[in-house]
Amino acid sequence: MTTRHRDAVLELAPRQLRRTFTLTEASLLIANCEPQNLADLAAVRSQLPARNVADIADPIGQDAAFFAEVGALIAEQLPTVIEFCHRSSAPGVN
Protein backbone atom coordinates (compact mmCIF):
# COMPACT_ATOMS: atom_id res chain seq x y z
CA MET A 1 0.00 0.00 0.00
CA THR A 2 2.80 2.42 0.80
CA THR A 3 6.02 3.22 -1.00
CA ARG A 4 7.78 1.50 1.92
CA HIS A 5 5.88 -1.70 1.13
CA ARG A 6 6.74 -1.36 -2.57
CA ASP A 7 10.40 -0.72 -1.75
CA ALA A 8 10.48 -3.80 0.51
CA VAL A 9 9.20 -5.93 -2.39
CA LEU A 10 11.84 -4.45 -4.68
CA GLU A 11 14.60 -5.23 -2.18
CA LEU A 12 13.66 -8.89 -2.50
CA ALA A 13 13.02 -8.79 -6.25
CA PRO A 14 14.70 -5.75 -7.84
CA ARG A 15 14.02 -6.98 -11.37
CA GLN A 16 10.30 -6.49 -10.75
CA LEU A 17 10.48 -2.68 -10.74
CA ARG A 18 8.46 -2.37 -13.94
CA ARG A 19 5.76 -4.61 -12.45
CA THR A 20 5.52 -3.20 -8.92
CA PHE A 21 3.24 -0.30 -8.03
CA THR A 22 1.49 0.97 -4.96
CA LEU A 23 -2.29 0.79 -5.22
CA THR A 24 -2.48 4.58 -5.54
CA GLU A 25 0.18 4.68 -8.27
CA ALA A 26 -1.56 2.01 -10.30
CA SER A 27 -5.01 3.51 -9.84
CA LEU A 28 -3.94 7.02 -10.85
CA LEU A 29 -1.93 5.84 -13.85
CA ILE A 30 -4.75 3.63 -15.10
CA ALA A 31 -7.35 6.37 -14.69
CA ASN A 32 -5.27 9.16 -16.25
CA CYS A 33 -3.12 7.44 -18.88
CA GLU A 34 -5.38 4.60 -20.05
CA PRO A 35 -2.69 1.91 -20.46
CA GLN A 36 -3.79 -1.25 -22.26
CA ASN A 37 -1.46 -3.70 -20.51
CA LEU A 38 1.27 -3.96 -17.88
CA ALA A 39 3.99 -2.86 -20.30
CA ASP A 40 1.99 0.31 -21.05
CA LEU A 41 1.44 0.88 -17.34
CA ALA A 42 5.18 0.65 -16.68
CA ALA A 43 5.90 2.96 -19.62
CA VAL A 44 3.64 5.74 -18.31
CA ARG A 45 4.94 5.56 -14.73
CA SER A 46 7.20 8.57 -15.34
CA GLN A 47 4.12 10.70 -16.12
CA LEU A 48 3.11 10.59 -12.47
CA PRO A 49 5.39 12.74 -10.30
CA ALA A 50 6.22 10.78 -7.14
CA ARG A 51 5.58 13.74 -4.88
CA ASN A 52 1.94 13.83 -6.03
CA VAL A 53 1.22 10.23 -5.08
CA ALA A 54 -0.02 9.86 -1.54
CA ASP A 55 0.46 6.56 0.21
CA ILE A 56 -2.46 4.73 1.72
CA ALA A 57 -1.44 4.67 5.35
CA ASP A 58 -0.79 1.37 7.07
CA PRO A 59 -3.59 1.06 9.66
CA ILE A 60 -1.80 -1.43 11.91
CA GLY A 61 -1.96 -0.20 15.50
CA GLN A 62 -4.60 2.44 14.75
CA ASP A 63 -8.20 2.71 15.94
CA ALA A 64 -11.30 1.43 14.16
CA ALA A 65 -12.09 4.80 12.59
CA PHE A 66 -8.66 4.90 10.97
CA PHE A 67 -9.14 1.35 9.66
CA ALA A 68 -12.46 2.48 8.16
CA GLU A 69 -10.78 5.46 6.44
CA VAL A 70 -8.09 3.21 4.98
CA GLY A 71 -10.73 0.71 3.88
CA ALA A 72 -12.67 3.46 2.12
CA LEU A 73 -9.56 4.58 0.22
CA ILE A 74 -8.81 1.02 -0.84
CA ALA A 75 -12.44 0.44 -1.86
CA GLU A 76 -12.29 3.62 -3.97
CA GLN A 77 -9.08 2.70 -5.82
CA LEU A 78 -9.23 -1.07 -6.12
CA PRO A 79 -12.02 -1.39 -8.72
CA THR A 80 -9.98 0.58 -11.27
CA VAL A 81 -7.02 -1.75 -10.81
CA ILE A 82 -9.12 -4.92 -10.85
CA GLU A 83 -10.89 -3.86 -14.05
CA PHE A 84 -7.51 -3.07 -15.64
CA CYS A 85 -6.18 -6.50 -14.66
CA HIS A 86 -9.19 -8.23 -16.20
CA ARG A 87 -9.04 -6.09 -19.35
CA SER A 88 -5.28 -6.42 -19.83
CA SER A 89 -5.31 -10.19 -19.39
CA ALA A 90 -8.09 -10.73 -21.92
CA PRO A 91 -7.22 -12.84 -24.98
CA GLY A 92 -5.73 -10.75 -27.75
CA VAL A 93 -4.32 -8.05 -25.46
CA ASN A 94 -0.54 -7.77 -25.68
PDB file of N, CA and C in Angstrom:
ATOM      1  N   MET A   1       0.813  -1.195   0.000  1.00  0.00           N
ATOM      2  CA  MET A   1       0.000   0.000   0.000  1.00  0.00           C
ATOM      3  C   MET A   1       0.856   1.259   0.000  1.00  0.00           C
ATOM      4  N   THR A   2       1.953   1.238   0.711  1.00  0.00           N
ATOM      5  CA  THR A   2       2.804   2.424   0.801  1.00  0.00           C
ATOM      6  C   THR A   2       4.061   2.237  -0.043  1.00  0.00           C
ATOM      7  N   THR A   3       4.758   3.327  -0.265  1.00  0.00           N
ATOM      8  CA  THR A   3       6.021   3.225  -0.997  1.00  0.00           C
ATOM      9  C   THR A   3       7.018   2.380  -0.213  1.00  0.00           C
ATOM     10  N   ARG A   4       6.907   2.378   1.115  1.00  0.00           N
ATOM     11  CA  ARG A   4       7.779   1.496   1.920  1.00  0.00           C
ATOM     12  C   ARG A   4       7.502   0.031   1.619  1.00  0.00           C
ATOM     13  N   HIS A   5       6.233  -0.320   1.481  1.00  0.00           N
ATOM     14  CA  HIS A   5       5.881  -1.698   1.125  1.00  0.00           C
ATOM     15  C   HIS A   5       6.434  -2.041  -0.258  1.00  0.00           C
ATOM     16  N   ARG A   6       6.235  -1.129  -1.217  1.00  0.00           N
ATOM     17  CA  ARG A   6       6.740  -1.358  -2.574  1.00  0.00           C
ATOM     18  C   ARG A   6       8.255  -1.520  -2.551  1.00  0.00           C
ATOM     19  N   ASP A   7       8.938  -0.655  -1.817  1.00  0.00           N
ATOM     20  CA  ASP A   7      10.397  -0.723  -1.749  1.00  0.00           C
ATOM     21  C   ASP A   7      10.873  -2.023  -1.109  1.00  0.00           C
ATOM     22  N   ALA A   8      10.124  -2.526  -0.124  1.00  0.00           N
ATOM     23  CA  ALA A   8      10.481  -3.805   0.506  1.00  0.00           C
ATOM     24  C   ALA A   8      10.370  -4.948  -0.499  1.00  0.00           C
ATOM     25  N   VAL A   9       9.343  -4.917  -1.331  1.00  0.00           N
ATOM     26  CA  VAL A   9       9.203  -5.928  -2.391  1.00  0.00           C
ATOM     27  C   VAL A   9      10.387  -5.840  -3.341  1.00  0.00           C
ATOM     28  N   LEU A  10      10.755  -4.626  -3.713  1.00  0.00           N
ATOM     29  CA  LEU A  10      11.843  -4.448  -4.677  1.00  0.00           C
ATOM     30  C   LEU A  10      13.205  -4.817  -4.101  1.00  0.00           C
ATOM     31  N   GLU A  11      13.360  -4.742  -2.788  1.00  0.00           N
ATOM     32  CA  GLU A  11      14.604  -5.231  -2.176  1.00  0.00           C
ATOM     33  C   GLU A  11      14.758  -6.724  -2.401  1.00  0.00           C
ATOM     34  N   LEU A  12      13.649  -7.436  -2.307  1.00  0.00           N
ATOM     35  CA  LEU A  12      13.664  -8.887  -2.496  1.00  0.00           C
ATOM     36  C   LEU A  12      13.705  -9.282  -3.970  1.00  0.00           C
ATOM     37  N   ALA A  13      13.113  -8.454  -4.822  1.00  0.00           N
ATOM     38  CA  ALA A  13      13.016  -8.786  -6.251  1.00  0.00           C
ATOM     39  C   ALA A  13      13.223  -7.530  -7.090  1.00  0.00           C
ATOM     40  N   PRO A  14      14.453  -7.016  -7.153  1.00  0.00           N
ATOM     41  CA  PRO A  14      14.702  -5.749  -7.838  1.00  0.00           C
ATOM     42  C   PRO A  14      14.350  -5.758  -9.326  1.00  0.00           C
ATOM     43  N   ARG A  15      14.356  -6.906  -9.940  1.00  0.00           N
ATOM     44  CA  ARG A  15      14.019  -6.975 -11.369  1.00  0.00           C
ATOM     45  C   ARG A  15      12.532  -6.742 -11.633  1.00  0.00           C
ATOM     46  N   GLN A  16      11.750  -6.663 -10.592  1.00  0.00           N
ATOM     47  CA  GLN A  16      10.301  -6.491 -10.748  1.00  0.00           C
ATOM     48  C   GLN A  16       9.861  -5.026 -10.705  1.00  0.00           C
ATOM     49  N   LEU A  17      10.806  -4.098 -10.812  1.00  0.00           N
ATOM     50  CA  LEU A  17      10.479  -2.676 -10.737  1.00  0.00           C
ATOM     51  C   LEU A  17       9.366  -2.293 -11.704  1.00  0.00           C
ATOM     52  N   ARG A  18       9.457  -2.744 -12.936  1.00  0.00           N
ATOM     53  CA  ARG A  18       8.458  -2.366 -13.939  1.00  0.00           C
ATOM     54  C   ARG A  18       7.088  -2.987 -13.659  1.00  0.00           C
ATOM     55  N   ARG A  19       7.017  -3.916 -12.738  1.00  0.00           N
ATOM     56  CA  ARG A  19       5.757  -4.612 -12.454  1.00  0.00           C
ATOM     57  C   ARG A  19       5.231  -4.328 -11.050  1.00  0.00           C
ATOM     58  N   THR A  20       5.878  -3.425 -10.322  1.00  0.00           N
ATOM     59  CA  THR A  20       5.524  -3.205  -8.923  1.00  0.00           C
ATOM     60  C   THR A  20       5.071  -1.762  -8.715  1.00  0.00           C
ATOM     61  N   PHE A  21       3.844  -1.612  -8.245  1.00  0.00           N
ATOM     62  CA  PHE A  21       3.240  -0.302  -8.032  1.00  0.00           C
ATOM     63  C   PHE A  21       2.528  -0.302  -6.685  1.00  0.00           C
ATOM     64  N   THR A  22       2.414   0.870  -6.083  1.00  0.00           N
ATOM     65  CA  THR A  22       1.490   0.972  -4.960  1.00  0.00           C
ATOM     66  C   THR A  22       0.084   0.999  -5.555  1.00  0.00           C
ATOM     67  N   LEU A  23      -0.908   0.753  -4.738  1.00  0.00           N
ATOM     68  CA  LEU A  23      -2.287   0.788  -5.221  1.00  0.00           C
ATOM     69  C   LEU A  23      -2.616   2.168  -5.782  1.00  0.00           C
ATOM     70  N   THR A  24      -2.195   3.216  -5.092  1.00  0.00           N
ATOM     71  CA  THR A  24      -2.475   4.577  -5.543  1.00  0.00           C
ATOM     72  C   THR A  24      -1.784   4.875  -6.866  1.00  0.00           C
ATOM     73  N   GLU A  25      -0.525   4.477  -7.004  1.00  0.00           N
ATOM     74  CA  GLU A  25       0.181   4.684  -8.274  1.00  0.00           C
ATOM     75  C   GLU A  25      -0.565   4.017  -9.419  1.00  0.00           C
ATOM     76  N   ALA A  26      -0.888   2.753  -9.240  1.00  0.00           N
ATOM     77  CA  ALA A  26      -1.563   2.008 -10.304  1.00  0.00           C
ATOM     78  C   ALA A  26      -2.913   2.633 -10.630  1.00  0.00           C
ATOM     79  N   SER A  27      -3.686   2.945  -9.631  1.00  0.00           N
ATOM     80  CA  SER A  27      -5.014   3.509  -9.844  1.00  0.00           C
ATOM     81  C   SER A  27      -4.951   4.838 -10.596  1.00  0.00           C
ATOM     82  N   LEU A  28      -4.065   5.722 -10.181  1.00  0.00           N
ATOM     83  CA  LEU A  28      -3.940   7.022 -10.851  1.00  0.00           C
ATOM     84  C   LEU A  28      -3.443   6.881 -12.283  1.00  0.00           C
ATOM     85  N   LEU A  29      -2.454   6.038 -12.495  1.00  0.00           N
ATOM     86  CA  LEU A  29      -1.931   5.842 -13.851  1.00  0.00           C
ATOM     87  C   LEU A  29      -2.985   5.240 -14.773  1.00  0.00           C
ATOM     88  N   ILE A  30      -3.713   4.267 -14.289  1.00  0.00           N
ATOM     89  CA  ILE A  30      -4.750   3.630 -15.104  1.00  0.00           C
ATOM     90  C   ILE A  30      -5.840   4.642 -15.450  1.00  0.00           C
ATOM     91  N   ALA A  31      -6.273   5.408 -14.468  1.00  0.00           N
ATOM     92  CA  ALA A  31      -7.351   6.374 -14.686  1.00  0.00           C
ATOM     93  C   ALA A  31      -6.938   7.518 -15.605  1.00  0.00           C
ATOM     94  N   ASN A  32      -5.696   7.969 -15.506  1.00  0.00           N
ATOM     95  CA  ASN A  32      -5.271   9.157 -16.248  1.00  0.00           C
ATOM     96  C   ASN A  32      -4.554   8.878 -17.556  1.00  0.00           C
ATOM     97  N   CYS A  33      -3.939   7.719 -17.693  1.00  0.00           N
ATOM     98  CA  CYS A  33      -3.115   7.442 -18.878  1.00  0.00           C
ATOM     99  C   CYS A  33      -3.694   6.347 -19.771  1.00  0.00           C
ATOM    100  N   GLU A  34      -4.685   5.638 -19.294  1.00  0.00           N
ATOM    101  CA  GLU A  34      -5.376   4.596 -20.050  1.00  0.00           C
ATOM    102  C   GLU A  34      -4.452   3.555 -20.683  1.00  0.00           C
ATOM    103  N   PRO A  35      -3.549   2.966 -19.906  1.00  0.00           N
ATOM    104  CA  PRO A  35      -2.695   1.912 -20.462  1.00  0.00           C
ATOM    105  C   PRO A  35      -3.533   0.693 -20.824  1.00  0.00           C
ATOM    106  N   GLN A  36      -3.061  -0.055 -21.817  1.00  0.00           N
ATOM    107  CA  GLN A  36      -3.789  -1.245 -22.262  1.00  0.00           C
ATOM    108  C   GLN A  36      -3.287  -2.524 -21.605  1.00  0.00           C
ATOM    109  N   ASN A  37      -2.051  -2.495 -21.106  1.00  0.00           N
ATOM    110  CA  ASN A  37      -1.460  -3.695 -20.510  1.00  0.00           C
ATOM    111  C   ASN A  37      -0.375  -3.273 -19.526  1.00  0.00           C
ATOM    112  N   LEU A  38       0.257  -4.250 -18.902  1.00  0.00           N
ATOM    113  CA  LEU A  38       1.266  -3.960 -17.882  1.00  0.00           C
ATOM    114  C   LEU A  38       2.469  -3.220 -18.456  1.00  0.00           C
ATOM    115  N   ALA A  39       2.864  -3.558 -19.675  1.00  0.00           N
ATOM    116  CA  ALA A  39       3.989  -2.855 -20.304  1.00  0.00           C
ATOM    117  C   ALA A  39       3.655  -1.378 -20.491  1.00  0.00           C
ATOM    118  N   ASP A  40       2.424  -1.083 -20.915  1.00  0.00           N
ATOM    119  CA  ASP A  40       1.993   0.315 -21.054  1.00  0.00           C
ATOM    120  C   ASP A  40       1.979   1.010 -19.698  1.00  0.00           C
ATOM    121  N   LEU A  41       1.499   0.301 -18.685  1.00  0.00           N
ATOM    122  CA  LEU A  41       1.439   0.879 -17.344  1.00  0.00           C
ATOM    123  C   LEU A  41       2.839   1.252 -16.862  1.00  0.00           C
ATOM    124  N   ALA A  42       3.792   0.368 -17.066  1.00  0.00           N
ATOM    125  CA  ALA A  42       5.178   0.653 -16.676  1.00  0.00           C
ATOM    126  C   ALA A  42       5.735   1.823 -17.472  1.00  0.00           C
ATOM    127  N   ALA A  43       5.375   1.903 -18.751  1.00  0.00           N
ATOM    128  CA  ALA A  43       5.902   2.959 -19.617  1.00  0.00           C
ATOM    129  C   ALA A  43       5.400   4.345 -19.214  1.00  0.00           C
ATOM    130  N   VAL A  44       4.192   4.425 -18.669  1.00  0.00           N
ATOM    131  CA  VAL A  44       3.644   5.735 -18.306  1.00  0.00           C
ATOM    132  C   VAL A  44       3.943   6.129 -16.862  1.00  0.00           C
ATOM    133  N   ARG A  45       4.627   5.271 -16.135  1.00  0.00           N
ATOM    134  CA  ARG A  45       4.943   5.557 -14.726  1.00  0.00           C
ATOM    135  C   ARG A  45       5.599   6.929 -14.561  1.00  0.00           C
ATOM    136  N   SER A  46       6.474   7.304 -15.469  1.00  0.00           N
ATOM    137  CA  SER A  46       7.196   8.575 -15.343  1.00  0.00           C
ATOM    138  C   SER A  46       6.272   9.783 -15.487  1.00  0.00           C
ATOM    139  N   GLN A  47       5.056   9.595 -15.966  1.00  0.00           N
ATOM    140  CA  GLN A  47       4.117  10.704 -16.120  1.00  0.00           C
ATOM    141  C   GLN A  47       3.451  11.093 -14.804  1.00  0.00           C
ATOM    142  N   LEU A  48       3.715  10.333 -13.770  1.00  0.00           N
ATOM    143  CA  LEU A  48       3.115  10.589 -12.470  1.00  0.00           C
ATOM    144  C   LEU A  48       4.206  10.994 -11.490  1.00  0.00           C
ATOM    145  N   PRO A  49       4.348  12.303 -11.228  1.00  0.00           N
ATOM    146  CA  PRO A  49       5.394  12.735 -10.296  1.00  0.00           C
ATOM    147  C   PRO A  49       5.214  12.085  -8.928  1.00  0.00           C
ATOM    148  N   ALA A  50       6.275  11.518  -8.405  1.00  0.00           N
ATOM    149  CA  ALA A  50       6.221  10.781  -7.137  1.00  0.00           C
ATOM    150  C   ALA A  50       5.685  11.637  -5.994  1.00  0.00           C
ATOM    151  N   ARG A  51       6.012  12.886  -5.990  1.00  0.00           N
ATOM    152  CA  ARG A  51       5.584  13.741  -4.878  1.00  0.00           C
ATOM    153  C   ARG A  51       4.068  13.951  -4.858  1.00  0.00           C
ATOM    154  N   ASN A  52       3.386  13.656  -5.974  1.00  0.00           N
ATOM    155  CA  ASN A  52       1.937  13.827  -6.035  1.00  0.00           C
ATOM    156  C   ASN A  52       1.168  12.558  -5.671  1.00  0.00           C
ATOM    157  N   VAL A  53       1.878  11.494  -5.378  1.00  0.00           N
ATOM    158  CA  VAL A  53       1.219  10.225  -5.084  1.00  0.00           C
ATOM    159  C   VAL A  53       1.246   9.988  -3.578  1.00  0.00           C
ATOM    160  N   ALA A  54       0.078  10.082  -2.986  1.00  0.00           N
ATOM    161  CA  ALA A  54      -0.016   9.863  -1.540  1.00  0.00           C
ATOM    162  C   ALA A  54      -0.115   8.372  -1.251  1.00  0.00           C
ATOM    163  N   ASP A  55       0.576   7.941  -0.238  1.00  0.00           N
ATOM    164  CA  ASP A  55       0.464   6.556   0.211  1.00  0.00           C
ATOM    165  C   ASP A  55      -0.881   6.349   0.898  1.00  0.00           C
ATOM    166  N   ILE A  56      -1.356   5.129   0.850  1.00  0.00           N
ATOM    167  CA  ILE A  56      -2.458   4.732   1.720  1.00  0.00           C
ATOM    168  C   ILE A  56      -1.781   4.284   3.007  1.00  0.00           C
ATOM    169  N   ALA A  57      -2.111   4.936   4.075  1.00  0.00           N
ATOM    170  CA  ALA A  57      -1.439   4.668   5.348  1.00  0.00           C
ATOM    171  C   ALA A  57      -1.668   3.234   5.804  1.00  0.00           C
ATOM    172  N   ASP A  58      -0.682   2.700   6.477  1.00  0.00           N
ATOM    173  CA  ASP A  58      -0.794   1.372   7.070  1.00  0.00           C
ATOM    174  C   ASP A  58      -1.591   1.512   8.367  1.00  0.00           C
ATOM    175  N   PRO A  59      -2.743   0.856   8.484  1.00  0.00           N
ATOM    176  CA  PRO A  59      -3.588   1.060   9.657  1.00  0.00           C
ATOM    177  C   PRO A  59      -3.208   0.236  10.889  1.00  0.00           C
ATOM    178  N   ILE A  60      -2.181  -0.587  10.776  1.00  0.00           N
ATOM    179  CA  ILE A  60      -1.801  -1.430  11.911  1.00  0.00           C
ATOM    180  C   ILE A  60      -1.528  -0.553  13.136  1.00  0.00           C
ATOM    181  N   GLY A  61      -2.152  -0.921  14.244  1.00  0.00           N
ATOM    182  CA  GLY A  61      -1.963  -0.196  15.497  1.00  0.00           C
ATOM    183  C   GLY A  61      -2.861   1.020  15.660  1.00  0.00           C
ATOM    184  N   GLN A  62      -3.717   1.277  14.688  1.00  0.00           N
ATOM    185  CA  GLN A  62      -4.601   2.442  14.750  1.00  0.00           C
ATOM    186  C   GLN A  62      -5.992   2.022  15.228  1.00  0.00           C
ATOM    187  N   ASP A  63      -6.845   3.014  15.459  1.00  0.00           N
ATOM    188  CA  ASP A  63      -8.197   2.713  15.938  1.00  0.00           C
ATOM    189  C   ASP A  63      -9.125   2.320  14.787  1.00  0.00           C
ATOM    190  N   ALA A  64     -10.339   1.920  15.145  1.00  0.00           N
ATOM    191  CA  ALA A  64     -11.304   1.427  14.160  1.00  0.00           C
ATOM    192  C   ALA A  64     -11.662   2.485  13.123  1.00  0.00           C
ATOM    193  N   ALA A  65     -11.760   3.729  13.534  1.00  0.00           N
ATOM    194  CA  ALA A  65     -12.094   4.800  12.590  1.00  0.00           C
ATOM    195  C   ALA A  65     -11.011   4.937  11.523  1.00  0.00           C
ATOM    196  N   PHE A  66      -9.767   4.804  11.931  1.00  0.00           N
ATOM    197  CA  PHE A  66      -8.665   4.900  10.972  1.00  0.00           C
ATOM    198  C   PHE A  66      -8.710   3.725   9.998  1.00  0.00           C
ATOM    199  N   PHE A  67      -8.985   2.522  10.523  1.00  0.00           N
ATOM    200  CA  PHE A  67      -9.138   1.347   9.656  1.00  0.00           C
ATOM    201  C   PHE A  67     -10.240   1.591   8.632  1.00  0.00           C
ATOM    202  N   ALA A  68     -11.345   2.202   9.065  1.00  0.00           N
ATOM    203  CA  ALA A  68     -12.458   2.484   8.157  1.00  0.00           C
ATOM    204  C   ALA A  68     -12.042   3.472   7.068  1.00  0.00           C
ATOM    205  N   GLU A  69     -11.273   4.490   7.426  1.00  0.00           N
ATOM    206  CA  GLU A  69     -10.782   5.458   6.437  1.00  0.00           C
ATOM    207  C   GLU A  69      -9.890   4.777   5.405  1.00  0.00           C
ATOM    208  N   VAL A  70      -8.988   3.941   5.878  1.00  0.00           N
ATOM    209  CA  VAL A  70      -8.092   3.214   4.977  1.00  0.00           C
ATOM    210  C   VAL A  70      -8.904   2.282   4.081  1.00  0.00           C
ATOM    211  N   GLY A  71      -9.865   1.597   4.664  1.00  0.00           N
ATOM    212  CA  GLY A  71     -10.728   0.714   3.884  1.00  0.00           C
ATOM    213  C   GLY A  71     -11.479   1.460   2.800  1.00  0.00           C
ATOM    214  N   ALA A  72     -11.952   2.647   3.108  1.00  0.00           N
ATOM    215  CA  ALA A  72     -12.670   3.457   2.121  1.00  0.00           C
ATOM    216  C   ALA A  72     -11.750   3.860   0.968  1.00  0.00           C
ATOM    217  N   LEU A  73     -10.515   4.228   1.279  1.00  0.00           N
ATOM    218  CA  LEU A  73      -9.557   4.582   0.219  1.00  0.00           C
ATOM    219  C   LEU A  73      -9.264   3.380  -0.680  1.00  0.00           C
ATOM    220  N   ILE A  74      -9.075   2.235  -0.064  1.00  0.00           N
ATOM    221  CA  ILE A  74      -8.809   1.016  -0.840  1.00  0.00           C
ATOM    222  C   ILE A  74     -10.026   0.681  -1.705  1.00  0.00           C
ATOM    223  N   ALA A  75     -11.214   0.749  -1.124  1.00  0.00           N
ATOM    224  CA  ALA A  75     -12.443   0.443  -1.863  1.00  0.00           C
ATOM    225  C   ALA A  75     -12.646   1.399  -3.033  1.00  0.00           C
ATOM    226  N   GLU A  76     -12.175   2.625  -2.897  1.00  0.00           N
ATOM    227  CA  GLU A  76     -12.291   3.617  -3.970  1.00  0.00           C
ATOM    228  C   GLU A  76     -11.328   3.316  -5.122  1.00  0.00           C
ATOM    229  N   GLN A  77     -10.121   2.880  -4.804  1.00  0.00           N
ATOM    230  CA  GLN A  77      -9.081   2.704  -5.817  1.00  0.00           C
ATOM    231  C   GLN A  77      -9.027   1.309  -6.429  1.00  0.00           C
ATOM    232  N   LEU A  78      -9.394   0.315  -5.678  1.00  0.00           N
ATOM    233  CA  LEU A  78      -9.228  -1.066  -6.124  1.00  0.00           C
ATOM    234  C   LEU A  78     -10.036  -1.441  -7.369  1.00  0.00           C
ATOM    235  N   PRO A  79     -11.280  -1.000  -7.522  1.00  0.00           N
ATOM    236  CA  PRO A  79     -12.025  -1.394  -8.724  1.00  0.00           C
ATOM    237  C   PRO A  79     -11.341  -1.002 -10.035  1.00  0.00           C
ATOM    238  N   THR A  80     -10.707   0.150 -10.070  1.00  0.00           N
ATOM    239  CA  THR A  80      -9.981   0.582 -11.269  1.00  0.00           C
ATOM    240  C   THR A  80      -8.876  -0.403 -11.607  1.00  0.00           C
ATOM    241  N   VAL A  81      -8.141  -0.833 -10.601  1.00  0.00           N
ATOM    242  CA  VAL A  81      -7.018  -1.750 -10.812  1.00  0.00           C
ATOM    243  C   VAL A  81      -7.522  -3.146 -11.184  1.00  0.00           C
ATOM    244  N   ILE A  82      -8.566  -3.599 -10.527  1.00  0.00           N
ATOM    245  CA  ILE A  82      -9.119  -4.921 -10.850  1.00  0.00           C
ATOM    246  C   ILE A  82      -9.636  -4.948 -12.284  1.00  0.00           C
ATOM    247  N   GLU A  83     -10.357  -3.918 -12.683  1.00  0.00           N
ATOM    248  CA  GLU A  83     -10.889  -3.859 -14.051  1.00  0.00           C
ATOM    249  C   GLU A  83      -9.745  -3.854 -15.057  1.00  0.00           C
ATOM    250  N   PHE A  84      -8.683  -3.103 -14.768  1.00  0.00           N
ATOM    251  CA  PHE A  84      -7.512  -3.075 -15.645  1.00  0.00           C
ATOM    252  C   PHE A  84      -6.896  -4.468 -15.757  1.00  0.00           C
ATOM    253  N   CYS A  85      -6.761  -5.151 -14.647  1.00  0.00           N
ATOM    254  CA  CYS A  85      -6.180  -6.502 -14.664  1.00  0.00           C
ATOM    255  C   CYS A  85      -7.013  -7.447 -15.520  1.00  0.00           C
ATOM    256  N   HIS A  86      -8.319  -7.382 -15.378  1.00  0.00           N
ATOM    257  CA  HIS A  86      -9.192  -8.230 -16.201  1.00  0.00           C
ATOM    258  C   HIS A  86      -9.064  -7.862 -17.677  1.00  0.00           C
ATOM    259  N   ARG A  87      -9.111  -6.566 -17.964  1.00  0.00           N
ATOM    260  CA  ARG A  87      -9.039  -6.089 -19.349  1.00  0.00           C
ATOM    261  C   ARG A  87      -7.693  -6.431 -19.980  1.00  0.00           C
ATOM    262  N   SER A  88      -6.611  -6.226 -19.249  1.00  0.00           N
ATOM    263  CA  SER A  88      -5.279  -6.419 -19.827  1.00  0.00           C
ATOM    264  C   SER A  88      -4.903  -7.888 -19.965  1.00  0.00           C
ATOM    265  N   SER A  89      -5.617  -8.763 -19.269  1.00  0.00           N
ATOM    266  CA  SER A  89      -5.310 -10.186 -19.393  1.00  0.00           C
ATOM    267  C   SER A  89      -6.264 -10.897 -20.350  1.00  0.00           C
ATOM    268  N   ALA A  90      -7.144 -10.137 -20.978  1.00  0.00           N
ATOM    269  CA  ALA A  90      -8.092 -10.731 -21.925  1.00  0.00           C
ATOM    270  C   ALA A  90      -7.352 -11.256 -23.149  1.00  0.00           C
ATOM    271  N   PRO A  91      -7.856 -12.308 -23.758  1.00  0.00           N
ATOM    272  CA  PRO A  91      -7.222 -12.841 -24.977  1.00  0.00           C
ATOM    273  C   PRO A  91      -7.104 -11.754 -26.044  1.00  0.00           C
ATOM    274  N   GLY A  92      -5.968 -11.723 -26.696  1.00  0.00           N
ATOM    275  CA  GLY A  92      -5.731 -10.745 -27.754  1.00  0.00           C
ATOM    276  C   GLY A  92      -5.112  -9.445 -27.296  1.00  0.00           C
ATOM    277  N   VAL A  93      -4.960  -9.256 -25.982  1.00  0.00           N
ATOM    278  CA  VAL A  93      -4.318  -8.051 -25.455  1.00  0.00           C
ATOM    279  C   VAL A  93      -2.852  -8.366 -25.259  1.00  0.00           C
ATOM    280  N   ASN A  94      -1.992  -7.525 -25.794  1.00  0.00           N
ATOM    281  CA  ASN A  94      -0.543  -7.767 -25.683  1.00  0.00           C
ATOM    282  C   ASN A  94      -0.033  -7.325 -24.358  1.00  0.00           C
TER     283      ASN A  94
END
